[in-house]
N, C-alpha and C. Protein backbone atom coordinates (compact mmCIF):
# COMPACT_ATOMS: atom_id res chain seq x y z
N MET A 1 0.83 -0.95 0.08
CA MET A 1 -0.03 0.03 0.01
C MET A 1 0.84 1.20 -0.24
N ILE A 2 0.62 2.25 -0.73
CA ILE A 2 1.05 3.30 -1.21
C ILE A 2 0.77 4.49 0.16
N THR A 3 1.71 4.96 0.75
CA THR A 3 1.45 5.86 1.87
C THR A 3 2.23 6.89 1.57
N PRO A 4 2.08 8.43 2.16
CA PRO A 4 2.85 9.45 1.96
C PRO A 4 4.35 8.93 2.83
N GLN A 5 4.40 8.32 3.75
CA GLN A 5 5.79 7.96 4.23
C GLN A 5 6.48 6.98 3.43
N ASN A 6 6.02 6.17 2.47
CA ASN A 6 6.77 5.19 1.67
C ASN A 6 6.80 5.47 -0.04
N ILE A 7 6.29 6.71 -0.21
CA ILE A 7 6.01 6.87 -1.79
C ILE A 7 7.31 7.21 -2.36
N LEU A 8 8.21 7.30 -1.93
CA LEU A 8 9.38 7.41 -2.59
C LEU A 8 9.92 5.83 -2.78
N ARG A 9 9.58 4.81 -2.41
CA ARG A 9 9.92 3.37 -2.56
C ARG A 9 8.84 2.73 -3.69
N HIS A 10 8.20 3.59 -4.13
CA HIS A 10 7.04 2.97 -5.25
C HIS A 10 7.39 3.50 -6.64
N GLU A 11 6.89 2.89 -7.44
CA GLU A 11 6.74 3.21 -8.50
C GLU A 11 5.79 4.20 -8.87
N LEU A 12 5.85 5.12 -9.69
CA LEU A 12 4.82 6.32 -9.89
C LEU A 12 3.62 5.93 -11.03
N THR A 13 3.90 5.04 -11.79
CA THR A 13 3.03 4.61 -12.84
C THR A 13 1.78 4.48 -12.44
N GLY A 14 0.81 5.26 -13.16
CA GLY A 14 -0.58 4.93 -13.08
C GLY A 14 -1.10 6.10 -11.72
N LEU A 15 -0.28 6.75 -11.16
CA LEU A 15 -0.75 7.78 -10.14
C LEU A 15 -1.11 9.26 -10.98
N ASP A 16 -2.08 9.72 -10.37
CA ASP A 16 -2.46 10.98 -10.82
C ASP A 16 -1.39 12.18 -10.17
N VAL A 17 -0.84 13.14 -11.34
CA VAL A 17 0.26 14.09 -10.87
C VAL A 17 0.00 15.41 -11.10
N GLN A 18 0.30 16.22 -10.48
CA GLN A 18 0.18 17.88 -11.18
C GLN A 18 1.78 18.38 -10.70
N VAL A 19 2.17 19.17 -11.91
CA VAL A 19 3.35 19.90 -11.48
C VAL A 19 3.07 21.15 -10.74
N LYS A 20 3.57 21.29 -9.29
CA LYS A 20 3.37 22.14 -8.52
C LYS A 20 4.31 23.52 -8.73
N GLN A 21 5.54 23.10 -8.89
CA GLN A 21 6.79 24.25 -9.23
C GLN A 21 7.72 23.34 -10.19
N ALA A 22 8.27 24.22 -11.25
CA ALA A 22 9.39 23.94 -11.97
C ALA A 22 10.48 24.88 -12.50
N ASN A 23 11.43 24.49 -12.44
CA ASN A 23 12.37 25.32 -13.12
C ASN A 23 11.86 26.25 -14.47
N ASN A 24 11.23 25.52 -15.13
CA ASN A 24 10.66 25.92 -16.59
C ASN A 24 9.15 25.94 -16.19
N GLN A 25 8.82 27.41 -16.34
CA GLN A 25 7.46 27.71 -16.12
C GLN A 25 6.61 27.18 -17.03
N TYR A 26 6.86 26.75 -18.14
CA TYR A 26 5.80 26.12 -19.05
C TYR A 26 5.34 24.81 -18.48
N LEU A 27 6.11 24.24 -17.58
CA LEU A 27 5.74 23.15 -17.17
C LEU A 27 4.80 22.83 -15.95
N GLU A 28 4.61 23.98 -15.41
CA GLU A 28 3.95 24.38 -14.04
C GLU A 28 2.49 24.38 -14.43
N GLY A 29 1.51 23.66 -13.52
CA GLY A 29 0.14 23.35 -13.85
C GLY A 29 -0.16 22.03 -14.68
N ILE A 30 0.79 21.37 -15.18
CA ILE A 30 0.42 20.39 -16.11
C ILE A 30 -0.10 19.07 -14.95
N ILE A 31 -1.44 18.35 -15.50
CA ILE A 31 -2.06 17.58 -14.63
C ILE A 31 -2.49 16.44 -15.75
N GLY A 32 -2.09 15.34 -14.71
CA GLY A 32 -2.54 14.02 -15.93
C GLY A 32 -1.92 12.83 -14.87
N MET A 33 -2.07 11.60 -15.76
CA MET A 33 -1.52 10.43 -15.08
C MET A 33 -0.19 9.97 -15.67
N VAL A 34 0.74 9.50 -14.68
CA VAL A 34 1.92 8.85 -14.94
C VAL A 34 1.85 7.65 -15.74
N VAL A 35 2.29 7.51 -17.36
CA VAL A 35 2.04 6.38 -17.77
C VAL A 35 3.51 5.86 -18.09
N GLU A 36 4.83 6.29 -17.66
CA GLU A 36 5.95 5.48 -17.63
C GLU A 36 6.97 6.45 -16.80
N GLU A 37 8.01 5.98 -16.38
CA GLU A 37 8.66 6.51 -15.71
C GLU A 37 10.15 6.04 -16.01
N THR A 38 11.30 7.01 -16.22
CA THR A 38 12.74 6.32 -16.16
C THR A 38 13.49 7.11 -15.36
N ARG A 39 14.91 7.11 -15.27
CA ARG A 39 15.64 7.50 -14.28
C ARG A 39 15.53 8.96 -14.27
N HIS A 40 15.40 9.69 -15.37
CA HIS A 40 15.48 11.26 -15.25
C HIS A 40 14.08 11.90 -15.77
N MET A 41 13.06 10.97 -16.20
CA MET A 41 11.96 11.66 -16.75
C MET A 41 10.93 10.79 -16.15
N VAL A 42 9.59 11.57 -16.33
CA VAL A 42 8.31 11.15 -15.98
C VAL A 42 7.52 11.71 -17.21
N LEU A 43 6.78 10.44 -17.76
CA LEU A 43 5.70 10.63 -18.88
C LEU A 43 4.39 10.63 -18.26
N VAL A 44 3.85 11.66 -18.46
CA VAL A 44 2.56 12.06 -17.90
C VAL A 44 1.65 12.08 -19.09
N LYS A 45 0.56 11.69 -19.08
CA LYS A 45 -0.50 11.64 -20.17
C LYS A 45 -1.77 12.65 -19.61
N THR A 46 -1.93 13.78 -20.30
CA THR A 46 -2.53 14.78 -20.16
C THR A 46 -3.90 14.65 -21.17
N ASN A 47 -5.07 15.60 -21.05
CA ASN A 47 -5.93 15.30 -21.78
C ASN A 47 -5.78 15.32 -23.37
N ASP A 48 -4.43 16.05 -23.88
CA ASP A 48 -4.29 15.64 -25.31
C ASP A 48 -3.11 15.27 -25.85
N ARG A 49 -1.90 15.07 -24.80
CA ARG A 49 -0.83 14.40 -25.55
C ARG A 49 -0.32 13.94 -24.14
N ILE A 50 0.97 13.16 -24.54
CA ILE A 50 2.02 12.69 -23.41
C ILE A 50 3.07 13.82 -23.24
N ARG A 51 3.30 14.16 -21.97
CA ARG A 51 4.28 15.21 -21.61
C ARG A 51 5.45 14.59 -21.03
N ASN A 52 6.72 14.90 -21.72
CA ASN A 52 8.05 14.69 -20.88
C ASN A 52 8.31 15.52 -20.08
N ILE A 53 8.63 14.98 -18.69
CA ILE A 53 8.87 15.71 -17.75
C ILE A 53 9.98 15.58 -16.93
N ALA A 54 11.04 16.52 -16.78
CA ALA A 54 12.48 15.99 -16.13
C ALA A 54 12.18 15.96 -14.64
N LYS A 55 12.74 15.07 -13.90
CA LYS A 55 12.34 14.89 -12.39
C LYS A 55 12.86 16.05 -11.66
N ASN A 56 14.02 16.39 -12.02
CA ASN A 56 15.12 17.00 -11.30
C ASN A 56 14.41 18.69 -11.66
N GLY A 57 14.15 19.47 -10.76
CA GLY A 57 13.97 20.79 -10.62
C GLY A 57 12.60 21.18 -10.86
N VAL A 58 11.86 20.00 -10.38
CA VAL A 58 10.21 19.91 -10.36
C VAL A 58 9.70 19.49 -9.04
N THR A 59 8.56 20.03 -8.70
CA THR A 59 7.82 19.56 -7.22
C THR A 59 6.67 19.17 -7.71
N PHE A 60 6.41 17.89 -7.54
CA PHE A 60 5.03 16.85 -7.94
C PHE A 60 4.25 16.87 -6.66
N ARG A 61 2.76 17.24 -7.51
CA ARG A 61 1.86 16.83 -5.94
C ARG A 61 1.30 15.77 -6.64
N ILE A 62 1.39 14.45 -5.79
CA ILE A 62 0.83 13.28 -6.24
C ILE A 62 -0.17 12.90 -5.59
N THR A 63 -1.44 12.41 -6.44
CA THR A 63 -2.59 11.84 -5.65
C THR A 63 -2.33 10.39 -5.31
N LEU A 64 -2.42 9.87 -4.35
CA LEU A 64 -2.40 8.44 -3.78
C LEU A 64 -3.72 7.71 -4.27
N PRO A 65 -3.73 6.28 -4.28
CA PRO A 65 -5.04 5.89 -4.38
C PRO A 65 -6.11 5.88 -3.17
N SER A 66 -5.38 6.51 -2.19
CA SER A 66 -6.48 6.73 -1.10
C SER A 66 -6.70 8.00 -1.10
N GLY A 67 -6.50 8.83 -2.06
CA GLY A 67 -6.85 10.09 -2.14
C GLY A 67 -6.20 11.14 -1.48
N THR A 68 -5.22 10.73 -0.90
CA THR A 68 -4.36 11.84 -0.14
C THR A 68 -3.25 12.45 -1.23
N CYS A 69 -3.27 13.62 -1.05
CA CYS A 69 -2.33 14.40 -2.06
C CYS A 69 -0.47 14.51 -1.25
N VAL A 70 0.25 14.13 -1.87
CA VAL A 70 1.78 14.45 -1.30
C VAL A 70 2.47 15.22 -2.23
N ASP A 71 3.23 16.24 -1.79
CA ASP A 71 4.20 17.20 -2.57
C ASP A 71 5.44 16.47 -2.51
N VAL A 72 6.25 15.95 -3.64
CA VAL A 72 7.34 15.50 -3.55
C VAL A 72 8.35 16.44 -4.55
N ASP A 73 9.59 16.26 -3.89
CA ASP A 73 10.73 17.07 -4.78
C ASP A 73 11.15 16.10 -5.68
N GLY A 74 10.95 16.46 -7.16
CA GLY A 74 11.88 15.50 -8.10
C GLY A 74 12.87 15.22 -7.96
N LYS A 75 14.07 15.84 -7.24
CA LYS A 75 15.28 15.41 -6.86
C LYS A 75 15.34 14.09 -5.96
N ALA A 76 14.60 13.73 -5.34
CA ALA A 76 14.36 12.71 -4.56
C ALA A 76 13.99 11.17 -5.22
N LEU A 77 13.58 11.67 -6.49
CA LEU A 77 12.73 10.74 -7.32
C LEU A 77 14.01 10.28 -8.61
N VAL A 78 14.86 11.26 -8.80
CA VAL A 78 15.92 10.85 -9.94
C VAL A 78 16.67 9.73 -9.55
N MET A 79 16.08 8.72 -9.99
CA MET A 79 16.86 7.30 -9.88
C MET A 79 16.01 6.14 -10.79
N ALA A 80 16.20 5.33 -10.99
CA ALA A 80 15.63 4.25 -11.96
C ALA A 80 14.75 3.86 -11.04
N PRO A 81 13.35 3.69 -11.41
CA PRO A 81 12.48 3.01 -10.32
C PRO A 81 12.60 1.76 -9.59
N GLU A 82 13.49 0.86 -10.56
CA GLU A 82 13.41 -0.41 -10.02
C GLU A 82 14.63 -0.67 -9.16
N LYS A 83 15.53 0.39 -8.96
CA LYS A 83 16.33 0.52 -7.85
C LYS A 83 15.86 1.38 -6.90
N ARG A 84 14.88 2.18 -6.90
CA ARG A 84 14.44 3.17 -5.95
C ARG A 84 13.55 2.38 -4.75
N ILE A 85 12.82 1.36 -5.74
CA ILE A 85 12.13 0.50 -4.77
C ILE A 85 13.03 -0.22 -3.69
N ASN A 86 14.28 -0.93 -4.06
CA ASN A 86 15.00 -1.52 -3.17
C ASN A 86 15.75 -0.37 -2.27
N MET A 87 15.85 0.79 -2.19
CA MET A 87 16.59 1.48 -1.63
C MET A 87 15.90 1.92 -0.03
N ARG A 88 16.97 2.26 0.67
CA ARG A 88 16.66 2.71 2.12
C ARG A 88 16.52 4.01 2.31
N ILE A 89 15.43 4.43 2.98
CA ILE A 89 15.02 5.85 3.20
C ILE A 89 15.89 6.49 4.39
N LYS A 90 16.65 7.59 4.24
CA LYS A 90 17.02 7.80 5.62
C LYS A 90 16.03 8.79 6.44
N ARG A 91 16.02 8.83 7.75
CA ARG A 91 15.04 9.30 8.40
C ARG A 91 15.52 10.37 9.16
């Protein structure tokens, strides 16, 4: 089960996201569902197309399956998803 405490250890594919803050102002406000995730990029399906968003320099608002919204700094996500699942989180 995905919770705000363990969101960094899960894949984002299938979750709804919104770009809250970005170094590139044209990315701010993008809303959609994550369709794929790579080491440095998140592919988000919006109403009209699929957008490639770099993880670094972006703050995402992720909606969990429970309906809870969590803001996550993209720097914490810059890692291959399969490696991030196995990492230990410093508290």
